[in-house]
Amino acid sequence: MTDGPGQQIPTDAHGGIIVRGLQRSFGSVQALAGVDLDARPGRVTALIGPNGSGKTTLLLVLAGLLVPHAGHVRVGGFDPVTDGARARARTGWMPDTFGTWDSLTAREVLLTFAAAYRMPRALAETRVAELLETVHLSELADRPASVLSRGQKQRVGLARALVHSPDVLLLDEPASGLDPRSRVDLRVLLRSLAARGTTVLVSSHVLSELDELADDAVFLSGGRTVTAGTLVAAESARRSWRIRALSRTTLTAWLTSVGAVWHPDAEDLPTAAGFGRPQPVPDGPGGVLVDIADEQGAARLVRDAVTAGVALTSIAPAGGALEQAYLALDEERR
């Protein structure tokens, strides 16, 4: 526990990740200026923010690789600074870029890290074989890492983070370089780990994937926590829906008559070649974006449109809950 502002962490706190008032500077640059975060066991928490918001610095502190200047931190029940060995023994860390020894095979890399965690050789060999199968690298297990693609090295990095069966898993852009099939496998694996009680904290810019994966979300901006909550809350917030009809003119006229707030849909507007300027839109099939409070509101809108004779062809959220929550943050434009 470090000195400085921030609420103390209670002794009976949960065994996941707890951060209160975390600060960290690099010279005159304050990378973390007051981060509060809870990532609970058995849940996947998304860590979201723009470049430079402090996400990677926070993960490095949680992994025990950076010492914070102020605040309080618990990872797996232990302070990474004052009780680093026990905190790291419970933590799996996958950085955004996985560095490895190109002369070693994937199996040798994993066995080396298993030995660093003092796993008995027989147990390590069994565990490594299981993980290589889990990340679909069994056929490449005994080839030098130098021949592996970026995505394959990412999978080795994930296996390395899991080699000691950690209670807490820290992932920085884990899907970077993965093919679509491997991204699906990653989501399935992380959900299964959470179901077994693992605390999973994932930083990613691919918000559509986090929508399908995360239970909770923490948004950072300027080194501070600007909002946090569950995905259920994000999904229930007012958001934009993309609505299409056989006649755009009929649709917009009806929406205006009932007082609905609608906006042109940039994806549905023709543009001048080479200039990107919207052109006059002729009537015909098309759509707009409509602000709707929740799914019940969407159902009422569909019912009323059909009653009014508006021929709808589709209605769906214009983006994922996390994406819309992120875009709604005023912090990003300050």
Protein backbone atom coordinates (compact mmCIF):
# COMPACT_ATOMS: atom_id res chain seq x y z
CA MET A 1 0.00 0.00 0.00
CA THR A 2 1.42 3.40 -1.00
CA ASP A 3 1.00 6.76 0.70
CA GLY A 4 -1.18 9.45 -0.81
CA PRO A 5 -4.78 10.41 -1.43
CA GLY A 6 -7.46 7.85 -2.06
CA GLN A 7 -9.83 5.77 -0.04
CA GLN A 8 -8.22 2.98 1.98
CA ILE A 9 -8.97 -0.57 0.89
CA PRO A 10 -10.92 -2.49 3.56
CA THR A 11 -9.31 -5.61 4.98
CA ASP A 12 -12.31 -7.74 4.00
CA ALA A 13 -12.24 -6.63 0.34
CA HIS A 14 -12.83 -9.10 -2.50
CA GLY A 15 -9.91 -11.04 -3.94
CA GLY A 16 -9.92 -9.54 -7.43
CA ILE A 17 -8.42 -6.16 -8.36
CA ILE A 18 -9.03 -3.07 -6.23
CA VAL A 19 -7.53 0.34 -7.04
CA ARG A 20 -8.15 3.56 -5.12
CA GLY A 21 -6.72 6.97 -5.99
CA LEU A 22 -3.84 5.55 -8.03
CA GLN A 23 -1.26 8.04 -9.30
CA ARG A 24 1.88 7.58 -11.37
CA SER A 25 4.06 10.16 -13.14
CA PHE A 26 6.91 10.05 -15.62
CA GLY A 27 8.79 13.27 -15.04
CA SER A 28 6.36 16.11 -15.65
CA VAL A 29 3.82 13.81 -17.32
CA GLN A 30 1.17 12.41 -14.99
CA ALA A 31 0.09 9.16 -16.61
CA LEU A 32 -2.30 8.21 -13.78
CA ALA A 33 -3.97 11.06 -11.93
CA GLY A 34 -6.52 9.31 -9.75
CA VAL A 35 -7.73 5.92 -10.92
CA ASP A 36 -10.40 3.96 -9.04
CA LEU A 37 -11.21 0.47 -10.25
CA ASP A 38 -12.87 -2.74 -9.11
CA ALA A 39 -12.53 -5.95 -11.10
CA ARG A 40 -14.27 -8.78 -9.29
CA PRO A 41 -13.60 -12.52 -9.33
CA GLY A 42 -15.76 -14.42 -11.79
CA ARG A 43 -16.28 -11.40 -14.04
CA VAL A 44 -14.64 -9.94 -17.15
CA THR A 45 -13.97 -6.22 -16.78
CA ALA A 46 -13.24 -4.09 -19.85
CA LEU A 47 -10.67 -1.29 -19.49
CA ILE A 48 -11.50 1.35 -22.09
CA GLY A 49 -9.97 4.67 -23.08
CA PRO A 50 -8.17 6.52 -25.86
CA ASN A 51 -4.44 6.33 -26.53
CA GLY A 52 -2.61 8.06 -23.69
CA SER A 53 -5.40 7.59 -21.17
CA GLY A 54 -3.22 5.50 -18.85
CA LYS A 55 -4.47 1.99 -19.57
CA THR A 56 -1.09 0.35 -20.14
CA THR A 57 0.50 2.22 -17.22
CA LEU A 58 -2.29 0.97 -14.96
CA LEU A 59 -1.78 -2.61 -16.15
CA LEU A 60 1.97 -2.35 -15.56
CA VAL A 61 1.30 -1.22 -11.97
CA LEU A 62 -1.12 -4.09 -11.44
CA ALA A 63 1.43 -6.54 -12.86
CA GLY A 64 4.02 -5.29 -10.37
CA LEU A 65 6.27 -3.82 -13.07
CA LEU A 66 5.79 -0.17 -12.07
CA VAL A 67 5.66 1.32 -8.59
CA PRO A 68 2.80 3.80 -8.10
CA HIS A 69 3.53 7.19 -6.56
CA ALA A 70 0.28 7.37 -4.59
CA GLY A 71 -2.88 5.41 -3.99
CA HIS A 72 -3.80 1.92 -2.88
CA VAL A 73 -3.75 -1.32 -4.90
CA ARG A 74 -4.72 -4.93 -4.25
CA VAL A 75 -4.31 -7.73 -6.80
CA GLY A 76 -5.53 -11.14 -5.74
CA GLY A 77 -5.67 -9.85 -2.18
CA PHE A 78 -2.07 -8.57 -2.08
CA ASP A 79 -0.27 -5.27 -2.64
CA PRO A 80 2.03 -5.62 -5.71
CA VAL A 81 4.56 -3.27 -4.06
CA THR A 82 4.80 -4.50 -0.47
CA ASP A 83 3.92 -8.14 -1.17
CA GLY A 84 5.01 -8.46 -4.78
CA ALA A 85 5.95 -12.15 -4.78
CA ARG A 86 2.55 -13.32 -3.61
CA ALA A 87 0.71 -10.86 -5.86
CA ARG A 88 2.66 -11.97 -8.95
CA ALA A 89 2.16 -15.63 -8.07
CA ARG A 90 -1.58 -15.04 -8.48
CA THR A 91 -1.37 -12.85 -11.57
CA GLY A 92 -1.16 -13.71 -15.25
CA TRP A 93 0.09 -10.84 -17.44
CA MET A 94 -0.17 -10.61 -21.22
CA PRO A 95 1.31 -7.37 -22.64
CA ASP A 96 0.20 -5.89 -25.95
CA THR A 97 3.39 -7.11 -27.62
CA PHE A 98 4.73 -10.50 -26.65
CA GLY A 99 8.50 -10.69 -26.73
CA THR A 100 10.01 -14.17 -26.86
CA TRP A 101 13.26 -15.94 -27.54
CA ASP A 102 13.19 -16.82 -31.21
CA SER A 103 15.63 -19.69 -30.77
CA LEU A 104 13.31 -21.46 -28.32
CA THR A 105 10.26 -23.45 -29.31
CA ALA A 106 6.80 -22.55 -28.05
CA ARG A 107 6.97 -25.52 -25.68
CA GLU A 108 10.36 -24.45 -24.34
CA VAL A 109 9.14 -20.88 -23.78
CA LEU A 110 6.21 -22.12 -21.71
CA LEU A 111 8.33 -24.62 -19.77
CA THR A 112 10.80 -21.84 -18.96
CA PHE A 113 8.06 -19.70 -17.44
CA ALA A 114 6.61 -22.70 -15.60
CA ALA A 115 10.04 -23.24 -14.06
CA ALA A 116 10.14 -19.57 -13.05
CA TYR A 117 6.94 -20.21 -11.09
CA ARG A 118 8.68 -23.22 -9.50
CA MET A 119 6.26 -25.74 -10.94
CA PRO A 120 7.44 -29.38 -10.69
CA ARG A 121 8.72 -30.60 -14.05
CA ALA A 122 6.10 -33.32 -14.54
CA LEU A 123 3.25 -30.95 -13.66
CA ALA A 124 4.71 -28.26 -15.92
CA GLU A 125 4.94 -30.61 -18.89
CA THR A 126 1.31 -31.65 -18.45
CA ARG A 127 0.13 -28.08 -18.03
CA VAL A 128 2.10 -26.85 -21.06
CA ALA A 129 0.69 -29.62 -23.26
CA GLU A 130 -2.84 -28.66 -22.16
CA LEU A 131 -2.27 -24.99 -22.90
CA LEU A 132 -0.73 -25.64 -26.32
CA GLU A 133 -3.86 -27.57 -27.20
CA THR A 134 -6.07 -24.84 -25.76
CA VAL A 135 -4.46 -22.15 -27.94
CA HIS A 136 -4.30 -24.52 -30.96
CA LEU A 137 -0.52 -24.63 -31.21
CA SER A 138 0.13 -28.33 -30.55
CA GLU A 139 1.30 -28.92 -34.12
CA LEU A 140 3.75 -26.01 -33.88
CA ALA A 141 4.86 -26.66 -30.31
CA ASP A 142 8.36 -27.84 -31.18
CA ARG A 143 9.18 -25.34 -33.89
CA PRO A 144 11.36 -22.29 -33.15
CA ALA A 145 9.36 -19.22 -32.18
CA SER A 146 11.05 -17.38 -35.04
CA VAL A 147 8.80 -19.18 -37.56
CA LEU A 148 5.57 -18.26 -35.78
CA SER A 149 3.33 -15.53 -37.13
CA ARG A 150 2.37 -12.54 -35.02
CA GLY A 151 -0.99 -14.08 -34.20
CA GLN A 152 0.62 -17.37 -33.23
CA LYS A 153 3.05 -15.55 -30.95
CA GLN A 154 0.07 -13.80 -29.37
CA ARG A 155 -1.37 -17.22 -28.60
CA VAL A 156 1.92 -18.28 -27.02
CA GLY A 157 1.75 -15.10 -24.94
CA LEU A 158 -1.74 -15.99 -23.73
CA ALA A 159 -0.60 -19.50 -22.81
CA ARG A 160 2.38 -18.02 -20.96
CA ALA A 161 0.04 -15.82 -18.89
CA LEU A 162 -2.02 -18.89 -17.96
CA VAL A 163 0.78 -21.35 -17.29
CA HIS A 164 0.53 -21.10 -13.48
CA SER A 165 -3.32 -21.04 -13.37
CA PRO A 166 -3.54 -17.47 -12.05
CA ASP A 167 -6.45 -16.07 -10.04
CA VAL A 168 -6.13 -12.70 -11.82
CA LEU A 169 -5.56 -12.26 -15.55
CA LEU A 170 -4.36 -8.94 -17.04
CA LEU A 171 -4.65 -8.64 -20.83
CA ASP A 172 -3.47 -5.68 -22.90
CA GLU A 173 -4.91 -5.86 -26.45
CA PRO A 174 -4.99 -9.67 -26.41
CA ALA A 175 -6.76 -9.98 -29.79
CA SER A 176 -4.15 -7.96 -31.66
CA GLY A 177 -2.95 -9.99 -34.65
CA LEU A 178 -5.41 -12.81 -34.13
CA ASP A 179 -7.46 -14.18 -37.02
CA PRO A 180 -11.28 -14.25 -36.69
CA ARG A 181 -11.39 -17.87 -35.55
CA SER A 182 -8.77 -17.23 -32.86
CA ARG A 183 -10.69 -14.16 -31.67
CA VAL A 184 -13.78 -16.28 -31.13
CA ASP A 185 -11.69 -18.90 -29.31
CA LEU A 186 -10.25 -16.14 -27.10
CA ARG A 187 -13.72 -14.93 -26.10
CA VAL A 188 -14.83 -18.47 -25.28
CA LEU A 189 -11.69 -19.11 -23.22
CA LEU A 190 -11.97 -15.89 -21.21
CA ARG A 191 -15.64 -16.47 -20.47
CA SER A 192 -14.83 -20.01 -19.28
CA LEU A 193 -12.04 -18.69 -17.03
CA ALA A 194 -14.41 -16.14 -15.51
CA ALA A 195 -17.01 -18.87 -14.95
CA ARG A 196 -14.40 -20.70 -12.86
CA GLY A 197 -13.83 -17.63 -10.69
CA THR A 198 -10.88 -15.92 -12.39
CA THR A 199 -10.71 -12.13 -12.32
CA VAL A 200 -10.19 -10.99 -15.93
CA LEU A 201 -9.23 -7.40 -16.82
CA VAL A 202 -9.04 -6.71 -20.58
CA SER A 203 -7.81 -3.55 -22.28
CA SER A 204 -8.80 -3.25 -25.95
CA HIS A 205 -9.76 -0.69 -28.58
CA VAL A 206 -12.06 -3.21 -30.30
CA LEU A 207 -15.22 -2.28 -28.43
CA SER A 208 -17.48 -4.56 -30.46
CA GLU A 209 -15.57 -7.58 -29.14
CA LEU A 210 -15.68 -6.30 -25.56
CA ASP A 211 -19.45 -5.93 -25.90
CA GLU A 212 -19.68 -9.69 -26.44
CA LEU A 213 -17.17 -10.51 -23.71
CA ALA A 214 -17.33 -8.15 -20.74
CA ASP A 215 -19.56 -8.01 -17.68
CA ASP A 216 -18.30 -4.65 -16.41
CA ALA A 217 -16.50 -1.64 -17.89
CA VAL A 218 -14.18 1.07 -16.59
CA PHE A 219 -13.51 4.13 -18.77
CA LEU A 220 -10.26 6.09 -18.41
CA SER A 221 -9.47 9.52 -19.78
CA GLY A 222 -6.51 11.72 -18.95
CA GLY A 223 -5.26 9.24 -16.37
CA ARG A 224 -8.52 9.28 -14.41
CA THR A 225 -11.53 7.05 -14.07
CA VAL A 226 -14.37 8.94 -15.73
CA THR A 227 -17.08 6.30 -15.39
CA ALA A 228 -17.54 2.67 -14.40
CA GLY A 229 -20.44 0.26 -14.35
CA THR A 230 -21.94 -2.95 -15.61
CA LEU A 231 -22.68 -3.78 -19.22
CA VAL A 232 -26.34 -4.18 -18.24
CA ALA A 233 -26.39 -0.49 -17.25
CA ALA A 234 -24.69 0.52 -20.51
CA GLU A 235 -27.18 -1.47 -22.54
CA SER A 236 -30.13 0.13 -20.75
CA ALA A 237 -28.91 3.68 -21.38
CA ARG A 238 -30.37 5.84 -24.17
CA ARG A 239 -28.65 5.02 -27.44
CA SER A 240 -28.95 5.46 -31.19
CA TRP A 241 -30.79 2.91 -33.31
CA ARG A 242 -30.47 2.51 -37.08
CA ILE A 243 -33.94 2.34 -38.67
CA ARG A 244 -34.57 1.62 -42.34
CA ALA A 245 -37.74 1.76 -44.42
CA LEU A 246 -38.80 1.35 -48.03
CA SER A 247 -39.25 5.14 -48.24
CA ARG A 248 -36.79 7.39 -46.43
CA THR A 249 -39.05 10.40 -47.01
CA THR A 250 -42.06 8.69 -45.47
CA LEU A 251 -39.97 7.49 -42.54
CA THR A 252 -38.48 10.90 -41.72
CA ALA A 253 -41.80 12.70 -42.15
CA TRP A 254 -43.47 10.32 -39.74
CA LEU A 255 -40.63 10.52 -37.18
CA THR A 256 -40.83 14.32 -37.28
CA SER A 257 -44.63 14.27 -36.86
CA VAL A 258 -44.41 12.16 -33.69
CA GLY A 259 -41.58 14.25 -32.19
CA ALA A 260 -38.85 11.59 -32.44
CA VAL A 261 -35.23 12.78 -32.42
CA TRP A 262 -33.57 11.52 -35.59
CA HIS A 263 -30.33 12.18 -37.45
CA PRO A 264 -29.09 11.36 -40.97
CA ASP A 265 -27.22 8.08 -41.13
CA ALA A 266 -23.75 8.73 -42.53
CA GLU A 267 -23.54 5.11 -43.72
CA ASP A 268 -26.68 5.66 -45.81
CA LEU A 269 -25.77 8.96 -47.52
CA PRO A 270 -24.26 9.00 -51.04
CA THR A 271 -21.13 11.16 -51.32
CA ALA A 272 -19.46 13.04 -54.11
CA ALA A 273 -16.66 10.95 -55.58
CA GLY A 274 -13.34 11.98 -54.12
CA PHE A 275 -14.75 14.76 -51.94
CA GLY A 276 -16.70 12.94 -49.25
CA ARG A 277 -19.54 15.54 -49.34
CA PRO A 278 -23.12 14.28 -48.84
CA GLN A 279 -25.24 14.70 -51.95
CA PRO A 280 -29.00 15.33 -52.18
CA VAL A 281 -30.74 12.09 -51.21
CA PRO A 282 -33.50 10.92 -53.58
CA ASP A 283 -36.43 9.14 -52.05
CA GLY A 284 -36.26 5.40 -51.90
CA PRO A 285 -35.16 2.71 -49.47
CA GLY A 286 -33.01 4.21 -46.74
CA GLY A 287 -32.63 4.88 -43.07
CA VAL A 288 -31.80 7.30 -40.27
CA LEU A 289 -30.52 7.19 -36.70
CA VAL A 290 -33.09 7.61 -33.94
CA ASP A 291 -32.45 8.21 -30.23
CA ILE A 292 -34.40 5.59 -28.26
CA ALA A 293 -34.39 5.14 -24.49
CA ASP A 294 -34.41 1.32 -24.37
CA GLU A 295 -35.61 -1.86 -26.09
CA GLN A 296 -39.18 -1.26 -24.93
CA GLY A 297 -39.04 2.14 -26.64
CA ALA A 298 -37.79 0.46 -29.81
CA ALA A 299 -40.67 -2.02 -29.68
CA ARG A 300 -43.19 0.82 -29.29
CA LEU A 301 -41.66 2.69 -32.21
CA VAL A 302 -41.98 -0.36 -34.46
CA ARG A 303 -45.60 -0.87 -33.40
CA ASP A 304 -46.50 2.78 -34.01
CA ALA A 305 -44.70 2.89 -37.37
CA VAL A 306 -46.54 -0.18 -38.63
CA THR A 307 -49.84 1.28 -37.42
CA ALA A 308 -49.06 4.51 -39.30
CA GLY A 309 -48.32 2.59 -42.50
CA VAL A 310 -44.55 3.18 -42.52
CA ALA A 311 -42.96 0.16 -44.22
CA LEU A 312 -39.97 -0.60 -41.97
CA THR A 313 -37.36 -3.04 -43.24
CA SER A 314 -34.98 -3.18 -40.27
CA ILE A 315 -34.23 -1.71 -36.84
CA ALA A 316 -31.12 -2.37 -34.72
CA PRO A 317 -28.75 -0.55 -32.36
CA ALA A 318 -26.34 1.59 -34.37
CA GLY A 319 -23.43 0.33 -32.33
CA GLY A 320 -22.55 -1.71 -29.27
CA ALA A 321 -23.36 -0.51 -25.78
CA LEU A 322 -19.71 0.13 -24.92
CA GLU A 323 -19.04 2.00 -28.15
CA GLN A 324 -21.98 4.33 -27.62
CA ALA A 325 -21.10 4.86 -23.95
CA TYR A 326 -17.53 5.68 -25.00
CA LEU A 327 -18.61 8.12 -27.71
CA ALA A 328 -20.96 9.82 -25.26
CA LEU A 329 -18.12 10.80 -22.93
CA ASP A 330 -17.51 14.55 -22.95
CA GLU A 331 -14.04 13.93 -21.52
CA GLU A 332 -12.69 12.88 -24.93
CA ARG A 333 -13.18 16.33 -26.46
CA ARG A 334 -11.76 18.47 -23.65
